[in-house]
Amino acid sequence: RIGNQEWMTRNLDVDRFRNGDLIPHV
């Protein structure tokens, strides 16, 4: 938590969209 925001402490590392579809690995 920083000020009134709550951030993830790591960079995003997903290979699928929220709906389950694969994001192309290029």
mmCIF file of all heavy atoms, coordinates in Angstrom:
data_MODEL
# 
_entry.id   MODEL 
# 
loop_
_atom_site.group_PDB 
_atom_site.id 
_atom_site.type_symbol 
_atom_site.label_atom_id 
_atom_site.label_alt_id 
_atom_site.label_comp_id 
_atom_site.label_asym_id 
_atom_site.label_entity_id 
_atom_site.label_seq_id 
_atom_site.pdbx_PDB_ins_code 
_atom_site.Cartn_x 
_atom_site.Cartn_y 
_atom_site.Cartn_z 
_atom_site.occupancy 
_atom_site.B_iso_or_equiv 
_atom_site.pdbx_formal_charge 
_atom_site.auth_seq_id 
_atom_site.auth_comp_id 
_atom_site.auth_asym_id 
_atom_site.auth_atom_id 
_atom_site.pdbx_PDB_model_num 
ATOM 1   N N   . ARG A 1 1  ? 0.853   -1.187  0.000   1.00 0.00 ? 1  ARG A N   1 
ATOM 2   C CA  . ARG A 1 1  ? 0.000   0.000   0.000   1.00 0.00 ? 1  ARG A CA  1 
ATOM 3   C C   . ARG A 1 1  ? 0.885   1.231   0.000   1.00 0.00 ? 1  ARG A C   1 
ATOM 4   O O   . ARG A 1 1  ? 1.778   1.358   0.822   1.00 0.00 ? 1  ARG A O   1 
ATOM 5   C CB  . ARG A 1 1  ? -0.921  -0.015  1.216   1.00 0.00 ? 1  ARG A CB  1 
ATOM 6   C CG  . ARG A 1 1  ? -1.830  1.200   1.291   1.00 0.00 ? 1  ARG A CG  1 
ATOM 7   C CD  . ARG A 1 1  ? -2.927  1.019   2.302   1.00 0.00 ? 1  ARG A CD  1 
ATOM 8   N NE  . ARG A 1 1  ? -3.957  0.123   1.831   1.00 0.00 ? 1  ARG A NE  1 
ATOM 9   C CZ  . ARG A 1 1  ? -4.934  0.481   0.991   1.00 0.00 ? 1  ARG A CZ  1 
ATOM 10  N NH1 . ARG A 1 1  ? -4.983  1.686   0.530   1.00 0.00 ? 1  ARG A NH1 1 
ATOM 11  N NH2 . ARG A 1 1  ? -5.830  -0.395  0.622   1.00 0.00 ? 1  ARG A NH2 1 
ATOM 12  N N   . ILE A 1 2  ? 0.629   2.128   -0.958  1.00 0.00 ? 2  ILE A N   1 
ATOM 13  C CA  . ILE A 1 2  ? 1.386   3.367   -1.078  1.00 0.00 ? 2  ILE A CA  1 
ATOM 14  C C   . ILE A 1 2  ? 0.364   4.492   -1.191  1.00 0.00 ? 2  ILE A C   1 
ATOM 15  O O   . ILE A 1 2  ? -0.371  4.561   -2.175  1.00 0.00 ? 2  ILE A O   1 
ATOM 16  C CB  . ILE A 1 2  ? 2.311   3.346   -2.312  1.00 0.00 ? 2  ILE A CB  1 
ATOM 17  C CG1 . ILE A 1 2  ? 3.239   2.127   -2.266  1.00 0.00 ? 2  ILE A CG1 1 
ATOM 18  C CG2 . ILE A 1 2  ? 3.120   4.633   -2.393  1.00 0.00 ? 2  ILE A CG2 1 
ATOM 19  C CD1 . ILE A 1 2  ? 3.946   1.841   -3.571  1.00 0.00 ? 2  ILE A CD1 1 
ATOM 20  N N   . GLY A 1 3  ? 0.293   5.328   -0.184  1.00 0.00 ? 3  GLY A N   1 
ATOM 21  C CA  . GLY A 1 3  ? -0.758  6.335   -0.167  1.00 0.00 ? 3  GLY A CA  1 
ATOM 22  C C   . GLY A 1 3  ? -2.103  5.627   -0.105  1.00 0.00 ? 3  GLY A C   1 
ATOM 23  O O   . GLY A 1 3  ? -2.314  4.742   0.719   1.00 0.00 ? 3  GLY A O   1 
ATOM 24  N N   . ASN A 1 4  ? -2.999  5.969   -1.017  1.00 0.00 ? 4  ASN A N   1 
ATOM 25  C CA  . ASN A 1 4  ? -4.299  5.298   -1.043  1.00 0.00 ? 4  ASN A CA  1 
ATOM 26  C C   . ASN A 1 4  ? -4.383  4.250   -2.156  1.00 0.00 ? 4  ASN A C   1 
ATOM 27  O O   . ASN A 1 4  ? -5.470  3.836   -2.540  1.00 0.00 ? 4  ASN A O   1 
ATOM 28  C CB  . ASN A 1 4  ? -5.430  6.326   -1.178  1.00 0.00 ? 4  ASN A CB  1 
ATOM 29  C CG  . ASN A 1 4  ? -5.338  7.121   -2.479  1.00 0.00 ? 4  ASN A CG  1 
ATOM 30  O OD1 . ASN A 1 4  ? -4.421  6.925   -3.269  1.00 0.00 ? 4  ASN A OD1 1 
ATOM 31  N ND2 . ASN A 1 4  ? -6.286  8.011   -2.691  1.00 0.00 ? 4  ASN A ND2 1 
ATOM 32  N N   . GLN A 1 5  ? -3.234  3.819   -2.673  1.00 0.00 ? 5  GLN A N   1 
ATOM 33  C CA  . GLN A 1 5  ? -3.188  2.804   -3.728  1.00 0.00 ? 5  GLN A CA  1 
ATOM 34  C C   . GLN A 1 5  ? -2.559  1.521   -3.185  1.00 0.00 ? 5  GLN A C   1 
ATOM 35  O O   . GLN A 1 5  ? -1.684  1.561   -2.328  1.00 0.00 ? 5  GLN A O   1 
ATOM 36  C CB  . GLN A 1 5  ? -2.347  3.292   -4.911  1.00 0.00 ? 5  GLN A CB  1 
ATOM 37  C CG  . GLN A 1 5  ? -2.895  4.528   -5.601  1.00 0.00 ? 5  GLN A CG  1 
ATOM 38  C CD  . GLN A 1 5  ? -1.944  5.007   -6.684  1.00 0.00 ? 5  GLN A CD  1 
ATOM 39  O OE1 . GLN A 1 5  ? -0.721  4.914   -6.548  1.00 0.00 ? 5  GLN A OE1 1 
ATOM 40  N NE2 . GLN A 1 5  ? -2.495  5.527   -7.766  1.00 0.00 ? 5  GLN A NE2 1 
ATOM 41  N N   . GLU A 1 6  ? -3.002  0.394   -3.741  1.00 0.00 ? 6  GLU A N   1 
ATOM 42  C CA  . GLU A 1 6  ? -2.414  -0.894  -3.390  1.00 0.00 ? 6  GLU A CA  1 
ATOM 43  C C   . GLU A 1 6  ? -1.891  -1.554  -4.668  1.00 0.00 ? 6  GLU A C   1 
ATOM 44  O O   . GLU A 1 6  ? -2.664  -1.968  -5.532  1.00 0.00 ? 6  GLU A O   1 
ATOM 45  C CB  . GLU A 1 6  ? -3.444  -1.788  -2.705  1.00 0.00 ? 6  GLU A CB  1 
ATOM 46  C CG  . GLU A 1 6  ? -2.836  -3.033  -2.116  1.00 0.00 ? 6  GLU A CG  1 
ATOM 47  C CD  . GLU A 1 6  ? -3.829  -3.845  -1.304  1.00 0.00 ? 6  GLU A CD  1 
ATOM 48  O OE1 . GLU A 1 6  ? -4.859  -3.282  -0.890  1.00 0.00 ? 6  GLU A OE1 1 
ATOM 49  O OE2 . GLU A 1 6  ? -3.574  -5.038  -1.110  1.00 0.00 ? 6  GLU A OE2 1 
ATOM 50  N N   . TRP A 1 7  ? -0.571  -1.646  -4.774  1.00 0.00 ? 7  TRP A N   1 
ATOM 51  C CA  . TRP A 1 7  ? 0.108   -2.147  -5.968  1.00 0.00 ? 7  TRP A CA  1 
ATOM 52  C C   . TRP A 1 7  ? 0.608   -3.565  -5.756  1.00 0.00 ? 7  TRP A C   1 
ATOM 53  O O   . TRP A 1 7  ? 0.946   -3.954  -4.646  1.00 0.00 ? 7  TRP A O   1 
ATOM 54  C CB  . TRP A 1 7  ? 1.322   -1.265  -6.282  1.00 0.00 ? 7  TRP A CB  1 
ATOM 55  C CG  . TRP A 1 7  ? 0.994   0.122   -6.717  1.00 0.00 ? 7  TRP A CG  1 
ATOM 56  C CD1 . TRP A 1 7  ? 0.694   1.186   -5.918  1.00 0.00 ? 7  TRP A CD1 1 
ATOM 57  C CD2 . TRP A 1 7  ? 0.943   0.601   -8.059  1.00 0.00 ? 7  TRP A CD2 1 
ATOM 58  N NE1 . TRP A 1 7  ? 0.461   2.298   -6.676  1.00 0.00 ? 7  TRP A NE1 1 
ATOM 59  C CE2 . TRP A 1 7  ? 0.606   1.967   -8.002  1.00 0.00 ? 7  TRP A CE2 1 
ATOM 60  C CE3 . TRP A 1 7  ? 1.160   0.004   -9.302  1.00 0.00 ? 7  TRP A CE3 1 
ATOM 61  C CZ2 . TRP A 1 7  ? 0.478   2.756   -9.141  1.00 0.00 ? 7  TRP A CZ2 1 
ATOM 62  C CZ3 . TRP A 1 7  ? 1.028   0.782   -10.442 1.00 0.00 ? 7  TRP A CZ3 1 
ATOM 63  C CH2 . TRP A 1 7  ? 0.691   2.138   -10.348 1.00 0.00 ? 7  TRP A CH2 1 
ATOM 64  N N   . MET A 1 8  ? 0.701   -4.320  -6.839  1.00 0.00 ? 8  MET A N   1 
ATOM 65  C CA  . MET A 1 8  ? 1.400   -5.597  -6.787  1.00 0.00 ? 8  MET A CA  1 
ATOM 66  C C   . MET A 1 8  ? 2.883   -5.324  -6.560  1.00 0.00 ? 8  MET A C   1 
ATOM 67  O O   . MET A 1 8  ? 3.402   -4.305  -7.004  1.00 0.00 ? 8  MET A O   1 
ATOM 68  C CB  . MET A 1 8  ? 1.222   -6.368  -8.092  1.00 0.00 ? 8  MET A CB  1 
ATOM 69  C CG  . MET A 1 8  ? -0.133  -6.973  -8.275  1.00 0.00 ? 8  MET A CG  1 
ATOM 70  S SD  . MET A 1 8  ? -0.168  -7.995  -9.773  1.00 0.00 ? 8  MET A SD  1 
ATOM 71  C CE  . MET A 1 8  ? -1.718  -8.832  -9.545  1.00 0.00 ? 8  MET A CE  1 
ATOM 72  N N   . THR A 1 9  ? 3.566   -6.237  -5.897  1.00 0.00 ? 9  THR A N   1 
ATOM 73  C CA  . THR A 1 9  ? 4.985   -6.054  -5.612  1.00 0.00 ? 9  THR A CA  1 
ATOM 74  C C   . THR A 1 9  ? 5.877   -6.717  -6.661  1.00 0.00 ? 9  THR A C   1 
ATOM 75  O O   . THR A 1 9  ? 7.095   -6.648  -6.559  1.00 0.00 ? 9  THR A O   1 
ATOM 76  C CB  . THR A 1 9  ? 5.341   -6.630  -4.226  1.00 0.00 ? 9  THR A CB  1 
ATOM 77  O OG1 . THR A 1 9  ? 4.961   -8.010  -4.183  1.00 0.00 ? 9  THR A OG1 1 
ATOM 78  C CG2 . THR A 1 9  ? 4.627   -5.852  -3.125  1.00 0.00 ? 9  THR A CG2 1 
ATOM 79  N N   . ARG A 1 10 ? 5.278   -7.353  -7.661  1.00 0.00 ? 10 ARG A N   1 
ATOM 80  C CA  . ARG A 1 10 ? 6.032   -7.996  -8.744  1.00 0.00 ? 10 ARG A CA  1 
ATOM 81  C C   . ARG A 1 10 ? 5.421   -7.621  -10.087 1.00 0.00 ? 10 ARG A C   1 
ATOM 82  O O   . ARG A 1 10 ? 4.245   -7.273  -10.164 1.00 0.00 ? 10 ARG A O   1 
ATOM 83  C CB  . ARG A 1 10 ? 6.000   -9.519  -8.609  1.00 0.00 ? 10 ARG A CB  1 
ATOM 84  C CG  . ARG A 1 10 ? 6.724   -10.045 -7.383  1.00 0.00 ? 10 ARG A CG  1 
ATOM 85  C CD  . ARG A 1 10 ? 6.694   -11.566 -7.291  1.00 0.00 ? 10 ARG A CD  1 
ATOM 86  N NE  . ARG A 1 10 ? 7.083   -12.234 -8.523  1.00 0.00 ? 10 ARG A NE  1 
ATOM 87  C CZ  . ARG A 1 10 ? 8.324   -12.557 -8.857  1.00 0.00 ? 10 ARG A CZ  1 
ATOM 88  N NH1 . ARG A 1 10 ? 9.317   -12.253 -8.049  1.00 0.00 ? 10 ARG A NH1 1 
ATOM 89  N NH2 . ARG A 1 10 ? 8.585   -13.193 -9.985  1.00 0.00 ? 10 ARG A NH2 1 
ATOM 90  N N   . ASN A 1 11 ? 6.217   -7.736  -11.124 1.00 0.00 ? 11 ASN A N   1 
ATOM 91  C CA  . ASN A 1 11 ? 5.712   -7.507  -12.475 1.00 0.00 ? 11 ASN A CA  1 
ATOM 92  C C   . ASN A 1 11 ? 4.775   -8.642  -12.864 1.00 0.00 ? 11 ASN A C   1 
ATOM 93  O O   . ASN A 1 11 ? 4.959   -9.794  -12.455 1.00 0.00 ? 11 ASN A O   1 
ATOM 94  C CB  . ASN A 1 11 ? 6.859   -7.434  -13.479 1.00 0.00 ? 11 ASN A CB  1 
ATOM 95  C CG  . ASN A 1 11 ? 7.742   -6.239  -13.253 1.00 0.00 ? 11 ASN A CG  1 
ATOM 96  O OD1 . ASN A 1 11 ? 7.382   -5.299  -12.551 1.00 0.00 ? 11 ASN A OD1 1 
ATOM 97  N ND2 . ASN A 1 11 ? 8.919   -6.263  -13.846 1.00 0.00 ? 11 ASN A ND2 1 
ATOM 98  N N   . LEU A 1 12 ? 3.813   -8.320  -13.695 1.00 0.00 ? 12 LEU A N   1 
ATOM 99  C CA  . LEU A 1 12 ? 2.834   -9.304  -14.151 1.00 0.00 ? 12 LEU A CA  1 
ATOM 100 C C   . LEU A 1 12 ? 3.534   -10.429 -14.909 1.00 0.00 ? 12 LEU A C   1 
ATOM 101 O O   . LEU A 1 12 ? 4.480   -10.195 -15.667 1.00 0.00 ? 12 LEU A O   1 
ATOM 102 C CB  . LEU A 1 12 ? 1.794   -8.608  -15.038 1.00 0.00 ? 12 LEU A CB  1 
ATOM 103 C CG  . LEU A 1 12 ? 0.532   -9.416  -15.330 1.00 0.00 ? 12 LEU A CG  1 
ATOM 104 C CD1 . LEU A 1 12 ? -0.239  -9.713  -14.041 1.00 0.00 ? 12 LEU A CD1 1 
ATOM 105 C CD2 . LEU A 1 12 ? -0.363  -8.648  -16.302 1.00 0.00 ? 12 LEU A CD2 1 
ATOM 106 N N   . ASP A 1 13 ? 3.039   -11.651 -14.706 1.00 0.00 ? 13 ASP A N   1 
ATOM 107 C CA  . ASP A 1 13 ? 3.658   -12.833 -15.310 1.00 0.00 ? 13 ASP A CA  1 
ATOM 108 C C   . ASP A 1 13 ? 2.573   -13.838 -15.693 1.00 0.00 ? 13 ASP A C   1 
ATOM 109 O O   . ASP A 1 13 ? 2.578   -14.972 -15.235 1.00 0.00 ? 13 ASP A O   1 
ATOM 110 C CB  . ASP A 1 13 ? 4.659   -13.445 -14.318 1.00 0.00 ? 13 ASP A CB  1 
ATOM 111 C CG  . ASP A 1 13 ? 5.494   -14.545 -14.934 1.00 0.00 ? 13 ASP A CG  1 
ATOM 112 O OD1 . ASP A 1 13 ? 5.581   -14.625 -16.168 1.00 0.00 ? 13 ASP A OD1 1 
ATOM 113 O OD2 . ASP A 1 13 ? 6.048   -15.358 -14.158 1.00 0.00 ? 13 ASP A OD2 1 
ATOM 114 N N   . VAL A 1 14 ? 1.615   -13.400 -16.492 1.00 0.00 ? 14 VAL A N   1 
ATOM 115 C CA  . VAL A 1 14 ? 0.526   -14.279 -16.933 1.00 0.00 ? 14 VAL A CA  1 
ATOM 116 C C   . VAL A 1 14 ? 0.624   -14.506 -18.432 1.00 0.00 ? 14 VAL A C   1 
ATOM 117 O O   . VAL A 1 14 ? 1.116   -13.652 -19.167 1.00 0.00 ? 14 VAL A O   1 
ATOM 118 C CB  . VAL A 1 14 ? -0.863  -13.706 -16.565 1.00 0.00 ? 14 VAL A CB  1 
ATOM 119 C CG1 . VAL A 1 14 ? -1.014  -13.555 -15.056 1.00 0.00 ? 14 VAL A CG1 1 
ATOM 120 C CG2 . VAL A 1 14 ? -1.120  -12.364 -17.255 1.00 0.00 ? 14 VAL A CG2 1 
ATOM 121 N N   . ASP A 1 15 ? 0.155   -15.668 -18.867 1.00 0.00 ? 15 ASP A N   1 
ATOM 122 C CA  . ASP A 1 15 ? 0.142   -15.965 -20.308 1.00 0.00 ? 15 ASP A CA  1 
ATOM 123 C C   . ASP A 1 15 ? -1.273  -16.143 -20.839 1.00 0.00 ? 15 ASP A C   1 
ATOM 124 O O   . ASP A 1 15 ? -1.469  -16.568 -21.968 1.00 0.00 ? 15 ASP A O   1 
ATOM 125 C CB  . ASP A 1 15 ? 1.002   -17.190 -20.628 1.00 0.00 ? 15 ASP A CB  1 
ATOM 126 C CG  . ASP A 1 15 ? 0.483   -18.469 -19.984 1.00 0.00 ? 15 ASP A CG  1 
ATOM 127 O OD1 . ASP A 1 15 ? -0.531  -18.421 -19.248 1.00 0.00 ? 15 ASP A OD1 1 
ATOM 128 O OD2 . ASP A 1 15 ? 1.096   -19.525 -20.217 1.00 0.00 ? 15 ASP A OD2 1 
ATOM 129 N N   . ARG A 1 16 ? -2.258  -15.811 -20.010 1.00 0.00 ? 16 ARG A N   1 
ATOM 130 C CA  . ARG A 1 16 ? -3.663  -15.884 -20.413 1.00 0.00 ? 16 ARG A CA  1 
ATOM 131 C C   . ARG A 1 16 ? -4.379  -14.597 -20.017 1.00 0.00 ? 16 ARG A C   1 
ATOM 132 O O   . ARG A 1 16 ? -4.057  -13.987 -19.002 1.00 0.00 ? 16 ARG A O   1 
ATOM 133 C CB  . ARG A 1 16 ? -4.373  -17.052 -19.733 1.00 0.00 ? 16 ARG A CB  1 
ATOM 134 C CG  . ARG A 1 16 ? -3.892  -18.407 -20.209 1.00 0.00 ? 16 ARG A CG  1 
ATOM 135 C CD  . ARG A 1 16 ? -4.614  -19.549 -19.506 1.00 0.00 ? 16 ARG A CD  1 
ATOM 136 N NE  . ARG A 1 16 ? -4.107  -20.823 -19.965 1.00 0.00 ? 16 ARG A NE  1 
ATOM 137 C CZ  . ARG A 1 16 ? -4.599  -21.483 -21.010 1.00 0.00 ? 16 ARG A CZ  1 
ATOM 138 N NH1 . ARG A 1 16 ? -5.620  -20.973 -21.680 1.00 0.00 ? 16 ARG A NH1 1 
ATOM 139 N NH2 . ARG A 1 16 ? -4.075  -22.629 -21.383 1.00 0.00 ? 16 ARG A NH2 1 
ATOM 140 N N   . PHE A 1 17 ? -5.370  -14.249 -20.820 1.00 0.00 ? 17 PHE A N   1 
ATOM 141 C CA  . PHE A 1 17 ? -6.248  -13.149 -20.449 1.00 0.00 ? 17 PHE A CA  1 
ATOM 142 C C   . PHE A 1 17 ? -7.156  -13.609 -19.313 1.00 0.00 ? 17 PHE A C   1 
ATOM 143 O O   . PHE A 1 17 ? -7.266  -14.808 -19.022 1.00 0.00 ? 17 PHE A O   1 
ATOM 144 C CB  . PHE A 1 17 ? -7.077  -12.696 -21.650 1.00 0.00 ? 17 PHE A CB  1 
ATOM 145 C CG  . PHE A 1 17 ? -6.271  -11.986 -22.701 1.00 0.00 ? 17 PHE A CG  1 
ATOM 146 C CD1 . PHE A 1 17 ? -6.058  -12.574 -23.944 1.00 0.00 ? 17 PHE A CD1 1 
ATOM 147 C CD2 . PHE A 1 17 ? -5.726  -10.736 -22.462 1.00 0.00 ? 17 PHE A CD2 1 
ATOM 148 C CE1 . PHE A 1 17 ? -5.322  -11.924 -24.922 1.00 0.00 ? 17 PHE A CE1 1 
ATOM 149 C CE2 . PHE A 1 17 ? -4.982  -10.075 -23.427 1.00 0.00 ? 17 PHE A CE2 1 
ATOM 150 C CZ  . PHE A 1 17 ? -4.787  -10.673 -24.660 1.00 0.00 ? 17 PHE A CZ  1 
ATOM 151 N N   . ARG A 1 18 ? -7.821  -12.673 -18.685 1.00 0.00 ? 18 ARG A N   1 
ATOM 152 C CA  . ARG A 1 18 ? -8.694  -12.974 -17.550 1.00 0.00 ? 18 ARG A CA  1 
ATOM 153 C C   . ARG A 1 18 ? -9.779  -13.994 -17.918 1.00 0.00 ? 18 ARG A C   1 
ATOM 154 O O   . ARG A 1 18 ? -10.198 -14.785 -17.086 1.00 0.00 ? 18 ARG A O   1 
ATOM 155 C CB  . ARG A 1 18 ? -9.335  -11.684 -17.035 1.00 0.00 ? 18 ARG A CB  1 
ATOM 156 C CG  . ARG A 1 18 ? -10.047 -11.867 -15.705 1.00 0.00 ? 18 ARG A CG  1 
ATOM 157 C CD  . ARG A 1 18 ? -10.699 -10.609 -15.224 1.00 0.00 ? 18 ARG A CD  1 
ATOM 158 N NE  . ARG A 1 18 ? -9.711  -9.573  -14.961 1.00 0.00 ? 18 ARG A NE  1 
ATOM 159 C CZ  . ARG A 1 18 ? -10.009 -8.328  -14.618 1.00 0.00 ? 18 ARG A CZ  1 
ATOM 160 N NH1 . ARG A 1 18 ? -11.274 -7.962  -14.503 1.00 0.00 ? 18 ARG A NH1 1 
ATOM 161 N NH2 . ARG A 1 18 ? -9.077  -7.449  -14.397 1.00 0.00 ? 18 ARG A NH2 1 
ATOM 162 N N   . ASN A 1 19 ? -10.216 -13.992 -19.178 1.00 0.00 ? 19 ASN A N   1 
ATOM 163 C CA  . ASN A 1 19 ? -11.264 -14.929 -19.591 1.00 0.00 ? 19 ASN A CA  1 
ATOM 164 C C   . ASN A 1 19 ? -10.725 -16.319 -19.919 1.00 0.00 ? 19 ASN A C   1 
ATOM 165 O O   . ASN A 1 19 ? -11.477 -17.210 -20.295 1.00 0.00 ? 19 ASN A O   1 
ATOM 166 C CB  . ASN A 1 19 ? -12.040 -14.374 -20.784 1.00 0.00 ? 19 ASN A CB  1 
ATOM 167 C CG  . ASN A 1 19 ? -11.258 -14.431 -22.084 1.00 0.00 ? 19 ASN A CG  1 
ATOM 168 O OD1 . ASN A 1 19 ? -10.049 -14.695 -22.087 1.00 0.00 ? 19 ASN A OD1 1 
ATOM 169 N ND2 . ASN A 1 19 ? -11.924 -14.197 -23.195 1.00 0.00 ? 19 ASN A ND2 1 
ATOM 170 N N   . GLY A 1 20 ? -9.398  -16.532 -19.808 1.00 0.00 ? 20 GLY A N   1 
ATOM 171 C CA  . GLY A 1 20 ? -8.801  -17.843 -20.066 1.00 0.00 ? 20 GLY A CA  1 
ATOM 172 C C   . GLY A 1 20 ? -8.152  -17.996 -21.428 1.00 0.00 ? 20 GLY A C   1 
ATOM 173 O O   . GLY A 1 20 ? -7.437  -18.975 -21.664 1.00 0.00 ? 20 GLY A O   1 
ATOM 174 N N   . ASP A 1 21 ? -8.387  -17.073 -22.350 1.00 0.00 ? 21 ASP A N   1 
ATOM 175 C CA  . ASP A 1 21 ? -7.755  -17.153 -23.674 1.00 0.00 ? 21 ASP A CA  1 
ATOM 176 C C   . ASP A 1 21 ? -6.248  -16.962 -23.554 1.00 0.00 ? 21 ASP A C   1 
ATOM 177 O O   . ASP A 1 21 ? -5.787  -16.103 -22.790 1.00 0.00 ? 21 ASP A O   1 
ATOM 178 C CB  . ASP A 1 21 ? -8.307  -16.067 -24.614 1.00 0.00 ? 21 ASP A CB  1 
ATOM 179 C CG  . ASP A 1 21 ? -9.740  -16.318 -25.032 1.00 0.00 ? 21 ASP A CG  1 
ATOM 180 O OD1 . ASP A 1 21 ? -10.284 -17.409 -24.741 1.00 0.00 ? 21 ASP A OD1 1 
ATOM 181 O OD2 . ASP A 1 21 ? -10.331 -15.398 -25.643 1.00 0.00 ? 21 ASP A OD2 1 
ATOM 182 N N   . LEU A 1 22 ? -5.498  -17.732 -24.343 1.00 0.00 ? 22 LEU A N   1 
ATOM 183 C CA  . LEU A 1 22 ? -4.042  -17.588 -24.360 1.00 0.00 ? 22 LEU A CA  1 
ATOM 184 C C   . LEU A 1 22 ? -3.631  -16.265 -24.996 1.00 0.00 ? 22 LEU A C   1 
ATOM 185 O O   . LEU A 1 22 ? -4.213  -15.845 -25.997 1.00 0.00 ? 22 LEU A O   1 
ATOM 186 C CB  . LEU A 1 22 ? -3.409  -18.723 -25.161 1.00 0.00 ? 22 LEU A CB  1 
ATOM 187 C CG  . LEU A 1 22 ? -3.184  -20.040 -24.417 1.00 0.00 ? 22 LEU A CG  1 
ATOM 188 C CD1 . LEU A 1 22 ? -2.728  -21.112 -25.396 1.00 0.00 ? 22 LEU A CD1 1 
ATOM 189 C CD2 . LEU A 1 22 ? -2.162  -19.873 -23.311 1.00 0.00 ? 22 LEU A CD2 1 
ATOM 190 N N   . ILE A 1 23 ? -2.619  -15.636 -24.416 1.00 0.00 ? 23 ILE A N   1 
ATOM 191 C CA  . ILE A 1 23 ? -1.988  -14.468 -25.030 1.00 0.00 ? 23 ILE A CA  1 
ATOM 192 C C   . ILE A 1 23 ? -0.847  -15.014 -25.886 1.00 0.00 ? 23 ILE A C   1 
ATOM 193 O O   . ILE A 1 23 ? -0.033  -15.800 -25.392 1.00 0.00 ? 23 ILE A O   1 
ATOM 194 C CB  . ILE A 1 23 ? -1.412  -13.519 -23.959 1.00 0.00 ? 23 ILE A CB  1 
ATOM 195 C CG1 . ILE A 1 23 ? -2.493  -13.109 -22.961 1.00 0.00 ? 23 ILE A CG1 1 
ATOM 196 C CG2 . ILE A 1 23 ? -0.787  -12.279 -24.614 1.00 0.00 ? 23 ILE A CG2 1 
ATOM 197 C CD1 . ILE A 1 23 ? -1.943  -12.475 -21.689 1.00 0.00 ? 23 ILE A CD1 1 
ATOM 198 N N   . PRO A 1 24 ? -0.754  -14.657 -27.152 1.00 0.00 ? 24 PRO A N   1 
ATOM 199 C CA  . PRO A 1 24 ? 0.311   -15.199 -28.004 1.00 0.00 ? 24 PRO A CA  1 
ATOM 200 C C   . PRO A 1 24 ? 1.712   -14.889 -27.464 1.00 0.00 ? 24 PRO A C   1 
ATOM 201 O O   . PRO A 1 24 ? 2.016   -13.752 -27.115 1.00 0.00 ? 24 PRO A O   1 
ATOM 202 C CB  . PRO A 1 24 ? 0.072   -14.521 -29.349 1.00 0.00 ? 24 PRO A CB  1 
ATOM 203 C CG  . PRO A 1 24 ? -1.377  -14.163 -29.339 1.00 0.00 ? 24 PRO A CG  1 
ATOM 204 C CD  . PRO A 1 24 ? -1.686  -13.813 -27.908 1.00 0.00 ? 24 PRO A CD  1 
ATOM 205 N N   . HIS A 1 25 ? 2.529   -15.932 -27.393 1.00 0.00 ? 25 HIS A N   1 
ATOM 206 C CA  . HIS A 1 25 ? 3.936   -15.807 -27.013 1.00 0.00 ? 25 HIS A CA  1 
ATOM 207 C C   . HIS A 1 25 ? 4.721   -15.639 -28.305 1.00 0.00 ? 25 HIS A C   1 
ATOM 208 O O   . HIS A 1 25 ? 4.754   -16.539 -29.138 1.00 0.00 ? 25 HIS A O   1 
ATOM 209 C CB  . HIS A 1 25 ? 4.377   -17.059 -26.258 1.00 0.00 ? 25 HIS A CB  1 
ATOM 210 C CG  . HIS A 1 25 ? 5.809   -17.058 -25.868 1.00 0.00 ? 25 HIS A CG  1 
ATOM 211 N ND1 . HIS A 1 25 ? 6.461   -18.189 -25.461 1.00 0.00 ? 25 HIS A ND1 1 
ATOM 212 C CD2 . HIS A 1 25 ? 6.734   -16.062 -25.809 1.00 0.00 ? 25 HIS A CD2 1 
ATOM 213 C CE1 . HIS A 1 25 ? 7.722   -17.907 -25.178 1.00 0.00 ? 25 HIS A CE1 1 
ATOM 214 N NE2 . HIS A 1 25 ? 7.902   -16.620 -25.381 1.00 0.00 ? 25 HIS A NE2 1 
ATOM 215 N N   . VAL A 1 26 ? 5.349   -14.478 -28.484 1.00 0.00 ? 26 VAL A N   1 
ATOM 216 C CA  . VAL A 1 26 ? 6.027   -14.152 -29.737 1.00 0.00 ? 26 VAL A CA  1 
ATOM 217 C C   . VAL A 1 26 ? 7.518   -13.972 -29.468 1.00 0.00 ? 26 VAL A C   1 
ATOM 218 O O   . VAL A 1 26 ? 7.915   -13.094 -28.707 1.00 0.00 ? 26 VAL A O   1 
ATOM 219 C CB  . VAL A 1 26 ? 5.426   -12.881 -30.379 1.00 0.00 ? 26 VAL A CB  1 
ATOM 220 C CG1 . VAL A 1 26 ? 6.155   -12.536 -31.660 1.00 0.00 ? 26 VAL A CG1 1 
ATOM 221 C CG2 . VAL A 1 26 ? 3.930   -13.074 -30.633 1.00 0.00 ? 26 VAL A CG2 1 
# 
